[in-house]
C-alpha atoms as a PDB file:
ATOM      1  CA  UNK A   1      13.098  -0.461 -14.878  1.00  0.00           C
ATOM      2  CA  UNK A   2       9.578  -0.222 -16.226  1.00  0.00           C
ATOM      3  CA  UNK A   3       9.072   2.842 -14.011  1.00  0.00           C
ATOM      4  CA  UNK A   4      11.739   4.586 -15.785  1.00  0.00           C
ATOM      5  CA  UNK A   5      10.452   4.050 -19.021  1.00  0.00           C
ATOM      6  CA  UNK A   6       7.023   4.995 -18.185  1.00  0.00           C
ATOM      7  CA  UNK A   7       8.272   8.180 -16.730  1.00  0.00           C
ATOM      8  CA  UNK A   8      10.192   8.795 -19.878  1.00  0.00           C
ATOM      9  CA  UNK A   9       7.340   7.923 -22.101  1.00  0.00           C
ATOM     10  CA  UNK A  10       5.057  10.554 -20.223  1.00  0.00           C
ATOM     11  CA  UNK A  11       7.655  13.152 -20.735  1.00  0.00           C
ATOM     12  CA  UNK A  12       7.790  12.871 -24.642  1.00  0.00           C
ATOM     13  CA  UNK A  13       5.922  15.582 -26.384  1.00  0.00           C
ATOM     14  CA  UNK A  14       3.229  14.575 -28.758  1.00  0.00           C
ATOM     15  CA  UNK A  15       3.798  16.035 -32.321  1.00  0.00           C
ATOM     16  CA  UNK A  16       1.671  15.867 -35.191  1.00  0.00           C
ATOM     17  CA  UNK A  17       2.862  13.523 -38.163  1.00  0.00           C
ATOM     18  CA  UNK A  18       3.585  15.452 -41.122  1.00  0.00           C
ATOM     19  CA  UNK A  19       3.188  13.363 -44.038  1.00  0.00           C
ATOM     20  CA  UNK A  20       5.491  15.644 -46.177  1.00  0.00           C
ATOM     21  CA  UNK A  21       8.305  15.328 -43.676  1.00  0.00           C
ATOM     22  CA  UNK A  22       7.838  11.454 -43.702  1.00  0.00           C
ATOM     23  CA  UNK A  23       8.087  11.299 -47.361  1.00  0.00           C
ATOM     24  CA  UNK A  24      11.120  13.593 -47.512  1.00  0.00           C
ATOM     25  CA  UNK A  25      12.717  11.511 -44.958  1.00  0.00           C
ATOM     26  CA  UNK A  26      11.991   8.307 -46.849  1.00  0.00           C
ATOM     27  CA  UNK A  27      13.254   9.737 -50.108  1.00  0.00           C
ATOM     28  CA  UNK A  28      16.335  11.070 -48.593  1.00  0.00           C
ATOM     29  CA  UNK A  29      17.061   7.592 -46.947  1.00  0.00           C
ATOM     30  CA  UNK A  30      16.487   5.796 -50.409  1.00  0.00           C
ATOM     31  CA  UNK A  31      18.892   8.091 -51.950  1.00  0.00           C
ATOM     32  CA  UNK A  32      21.638   7.450 -49.486  1.00  0.00           C
ATOM     33  CA  UNK A  33      20.901   3.776 -49.995  1.00  0.00           C
ATOM     34  CA  UNK A  34      20.890   4.125 -53.785  1.00  0.00           C
ATOM     35  CA  UNK A  35      24.402   5.689 -53.489  1.00  0.00           C
ATOM     36  CA  UNK A  36      25.491   2.975 -51.235  1.00  0.00           C
ATOM     37  CA  UNK A  37      24.288   0.156 -53.343  1.00  0.00           C
ATOM     38  CA  UNK A  38      25.773   1.828 -56.368  1.00  0.00           C
ATOM     39  CA  UNK A  39      29.264   1.998 -54.995  1.00  0.00           C
ATOM     40  CA  UNK A  40      29.185  -1.599 -53.952  1.00  0.00           C
ATOM     41  CA  UNK A  41      28.026  -2.770 -57.260  1.00  0.00           C
ATOM     42  CA  UNK A  42      30.586  -0.766 -58.833  1.00  0.00           C
ATOM     43  CA  UNK A  43      33.287  -2.282 -56.418  1.00  0.00           C
ATOM     44  CA  UNK A  44      32.108  -5.766 -57.078  1.00  0.00           C
ATOM     45  CA  UNK A  45      32.056  -5.462 -60.742  1.00  0.00           C
ATOM     46  CA  UNK A  46      35.573  -4.190 -60.634  1.00  0.00           C
ATOM     47  CA  UNK A  47      36.660  -7.025 -58.319  1.00  0.00           C
ATOM     48  CA  UNK A  48      34.676  -9.527 -60.536  1.00  0.00           C
ATOM     49  CA  UNK A  49      36.566  -8.335 -63.545  1.00  0.00           C
ATOM     50  CA  UNK A  50      39.960  -8.654 -61.861  1.00  0.00           C
ATOM     51  CA  UNK A  51      39.245 -12.096 -61.116  1.00  0.00           C
ATOM     52  CA  UNK A  52      38.073 -12.739 -64.437  1.00  0.00           C
ATOM     53  CA  UNK A  53      41.125 -11.516 -65.976  1.00  0.00           C
ATOM     54  CA  UNK A  54      43.163 -13.631 -63.654  1.00  0.00           C
ATOM     55  CA  UNK A  55      41.273 -16.598 -64.508  1.00  0.00           C
ATOM     56  CA  UNK A  56      41.849 -15.802 -68.323  1.00  0.00           C
ATOM     57  CA  UNK A  57      45.445 -15.322 -67.939  1.00  0.00           C
ATOM     58  CA  UNK A  58      45.792 -18.778 -65.984  1.00  0.00           C
ATOM     59  CA  UNK A  59      43.543 -20.330 -68.572  1.00  0.00           C
ATOM     60  CA  UNK A  60      46.050 -19.490 -71.282  1.00  0.00           C
ATOM     61  CA  UNK A  61      48.938 -20.614 -69.163  1.00  0.00           C
ATOM     62  CA  UNK A  62      47.415 -23.879 -68.611  1.00  0.00           C
ATOM     63  CA  UNK A  63      46.493 -24.290 -72.312  1.00  0.00           C
ATOM     64  CA  UNK A  64      50.092 -23.623 -73.316  1.00  0.00           C
ATOM     65  CA  UNK A  65      51.699 -26.003 -70.729  1.00  0.00           C
ATOM     66  CA  UNK A  66      49.813 -29.239 -71.846  1.00  0.00           C
ATOM     67  CA  UNK A  67      51.995 -30.558 -74.489  1.00  0.00           C
ATOM     68  CA  UNK A  68      51.041 -32.917 -77.182  1.00  0.00           C
ATOM     69  CA  UNK A  69      50.312 -36.287 -76.574  1.00  0.00           C
ATOM     70  CA  UNK A  70      52.312 -39.189 -78.197  1.00  0.00           C
ATOM     71  CA  UNK A  71      49.508 -39.779 -80.777  1.00  0.00           C
ATOM     72  CA  UNK A  72      49.290 -35.976 -81.403  1.00  0.00           C
ATOM     73  CA  UNK A  73      53.194 -35.717 -81.852  1.00  0.00           C
ATOM     74  CA  UNK A  74      52.922 -38.649 -84.343  1.00  0.00           C
ATOM     75  CA  UNK A  75      50.426 -37.078 -86.328  1.00  0.00           C
ATOM     76  CA  UNK A  76      52.374 -33.861 -86.533  1.00  0.00           C
ATOM     77  CA  UNK A  77      55.435 -35.656 -87.478  1.00  0.00           C
ATOM     78  CA  UNK A  78      53.510 -37.457 -90.284  1.00  0.00           C
ATOM     79  CA  UNK A  79      52.095 -34.187 -91.637  1.00  0.00           C
ATOM     80  CA  UNK A  80      55.366 -32.544 -91.575  1.00  0.00           C
ATOM     81  CA  UNK A  81      56.829 -35.503 -93.576  1.00  0.00           C
ATOM     82  CA  UNK A  82      54.227 -35.230 -96.117  1.00  0.00           C
ATOM     83  CA  UNK A  83      54.690 -31.429 -96.219  1.00  0.00           C
ATOM     84  CA  UNK A  84      58.325 -31.967 -97.103  1.00  0.00           C
ATOM     85  CA  UNK A  85      57.440 -34.554 -99.667  1.00  0.00           C
ATOM     86  CA  UNK A  86      55.037 -31.911-101.216  1.00  0.00           C
ATOM     87  CA  UNK A  87      57.579 -28.957-101.103  1.00  0.00           C
ATOM     88  CA  UNK A  88      60.137 -31.189-102.985  1.00  0.00           C
ATOM     89  CA  UNK A  89      57.761 -32.378-105.369  1.00  0.00           C
ATOM     90  CA  UNK A  90      56.485 -28.745-106.268  1.00  0.00           C
ATOM     91  CA  UNK A  91      59.986 -27.328-106.435  1.00  0.00           C
ATOM     92  CA  UNK A  92      61.391 -30.209-108.408  1.00  0.00           C
ATOM     93  CA  UNK A  93      63.708 -31.177-105.633  1.00  0.00           C
ATOM     94  CA  UNK A  94      64.810 -34.794-104.873  1.00  0.00           C
ATOM     95  CA  UNK A  95      63.183 -35.678-101.513  1.00  0.00           C
ATOM     96  CA  UNK A  96      65.835 -37.971-100.310  1.00  0.00           C
ATOM     97  CA  UNK A  97      68.705 -35.218-100.845  1.00  0.00           C
ATOM     98  CA  UNK A  98      66.788 -32.277 -99.562  1.00  0.00           C
ATOM     99  CA  UNK A  99      64.625 -33.589 -96.881  1.00  0.00           C
ATOM    100  CA  UNK A 100      67.415 -32.788 -94.527  1.00  0.00           C
ATOM    101  CA  UNK A 101      67.332 -29.112 -95.404  1.00  0.00           C
ATOM    102  CA  UNK A 102      63.617 -28.699 -95.566  1.00  0.00           C
ATOM    103  CA  UNK A 103      62.446 -30.540 -92.418  1.00  0.00           C
ATOM    104  CA  UNK A 104      64.291 -28.004 -90.248  1.00  0.00           C
ATOM    105  CA  UNK A 105      62.734 -25.195 -91.944  1.00  0.00           C
ATOM    106  CA  UNK A 106      59.312 -26.510 -91.436  1.00  0.00           C
ATOM    107  CA  UNK A 107      59.895 -27.326 -87.616  1.00  0.00           C
ATOM    108  CA  UNK A 108      61.348 -23.721 -87.198  1.00  0.00           C
ATOM    109  CA  UNK A 109      58.444 -22.014 -88.666  1.00  0.00           C
ATOM    110  CA  UNK A 110      56.055 -24.058 -86.465  1.00  0.00           C
ATOM    111  CA  UNK A 111      58.115 -23.727 -83.332  1.00  0.00           C
ATOM    112  CA  UNK A 112      58.484 -20.080 -83.843  1.00  0.00           C
ATOM    113  CA  UNK A 113      54.978 -19.301 -84.297  1.00  0.00           C
ATOM    114  CA  UNK A 114      54.043 -21.219 -81.063  1.00  0.00           C
ATOM    115  CA  UNK A 115      57.105 -20.057 -79.205  1.00  0.00           C
ATOM    116  CA  UNK A 116      58.554 -23.435 -78.175  1.00  0.00           C
ATOM    117  CA  UNK A 117      61.956 -24.842 -78.577  1.00  0.00           C
ATOM    118  CA  UNK A 118      61.015 -28.342 -80.066  1.00  0.00           C
ATOM    119  CA  UNK A 119      57.843 -29.682 -81.595  1.00  0.00           C
ATOM    120  CA  UNK A 120      57.329 -31.855 -78.565  1.00  0.00           C
ATOM    121  CA  UNK A 121      56.706 -28.816 -76.670  1.00  0.00           C
ATOM    122  CA  UNK A 122      53.611 -27.854 -78.959  1.00  0.00           C
ATOM    123  CA  UNK A 123      50.724 -27.141 -76.831  1.00  0.00           C
ATOM    124  CA  UNK A 124      47.973 -29.889 -77.205  1.00  0.00           C
ATOM    125  CA  UNK A 125      45.107 -27.449 -77.037  1.00  0.00           C
ATOM    126  CA  UNK A 126      45.988 -25.909 -80.183  1.00  0.00           C
ATOM    127  CA  UNK A 127      46.664 -29.251 -82.039  1.00  0.00           C
ATOM    128  CA  UNK A 128      43.955 -28.674 -84.765  1.00  0.00           C
ATOM    129  CA  UNK A 129      45.213 -25.150 -85.380  1.00  0.00           C
ATOM    130  CA  UNK A 130      48.913 -26.440 -85.835  1.00  0.00           C
ATOM    131  CA  UNK A 131      47.822 -29.332 -88.226  1.00  0.00           C
ATOM    132  CA  UNK A 132      46.113 -26.704 -90.392  1.00  0.00           C
ATOM    133  CA  UNK A 133      49.073 -24.183 -90.101  1.00  0.00           C
ATOM    134  CA  UNK A 134      51.381 -27.121 -91.559  1.00  0.00           C
ATOM    135  CA  UNK A 135      48.929 -27.523 -94.296  1.00  0.00           C
ATOM    136  CA  UNK A 136      49.035 -23.910 -95.435  1.00  0.00           C
ATOM    137  CA  UNK A 137      52.621 -23.226 -94.542  1.00  0.00           C
ATOM    138  CA  UNK A 138      54.768 -22.059 -97.236  1.00  0.00           C
ATOM    139  CA  UNK A 139      58.504 -22.493 -97.049  1.00  0.00           C
ATOM    140  CA  UNK A 140      60.990 -20.750 -99.376  1.00  0.00           C
ATOM    141  CA  UNK A 141      63.210 -23.301-100.817  1.00  0.00           C
ATOM    142  CA  UNK A 142      64.691 -21.168-103.782  1.00  0.00           C
ATOM    143  CA  UNK A 143      68.198 -21.288-102.500  1.00  0.00           C
ATOM    144  CA  UNK A 144      67.972 -25.158-102.509  1.00  0.00           C
ATOM    145  CA  UNK A 145      67.062 -25.230-106.024  1.00  0.00           C
ATOM    146  CA  UNK A 146      70.431 -23.612-106.896  1.00  0.00           C
ATOM    147  CA  UNK A 147      72.233 -26.253-104.822  1.00  0.00           C
ATOM    148  CA  UNK A 148      70.661 -29.218-106.726  1.00  0.00           C
ATOM    149  CA  UNK A 149      71.865 -27.730-110.183  1.00  0.00           C
END
């Protein structure tokens, strides 16, 4: 086998090395590699963005699925009760007579905003926001003023 290699090597013509040809070859090779890496980078970024989008979607789903803890639910009930008292007082309504009409309006506004059926399904992740929403919530009770009169 070594004889074959030697015979083959003896038959190789000796050529002069041309530096310009070598540099041109290197530049061409580098250009091809740059295009290949650019394509790989673009593809990788696209895949990363797709995965990141999926993670964000799952994060939102998870945040919406974890419901209020018992303590948070109690805090919301207490906050709503205080809000009903405040609304009745601000509008000259008797709390004990009107609470059964004002409570459902407040809970409906909260539940609709958070897209849930009952306040117990409210997402725990948004507890602070929900408490702030109750604080600034405005409920129209003008129709109830006429019921009292």
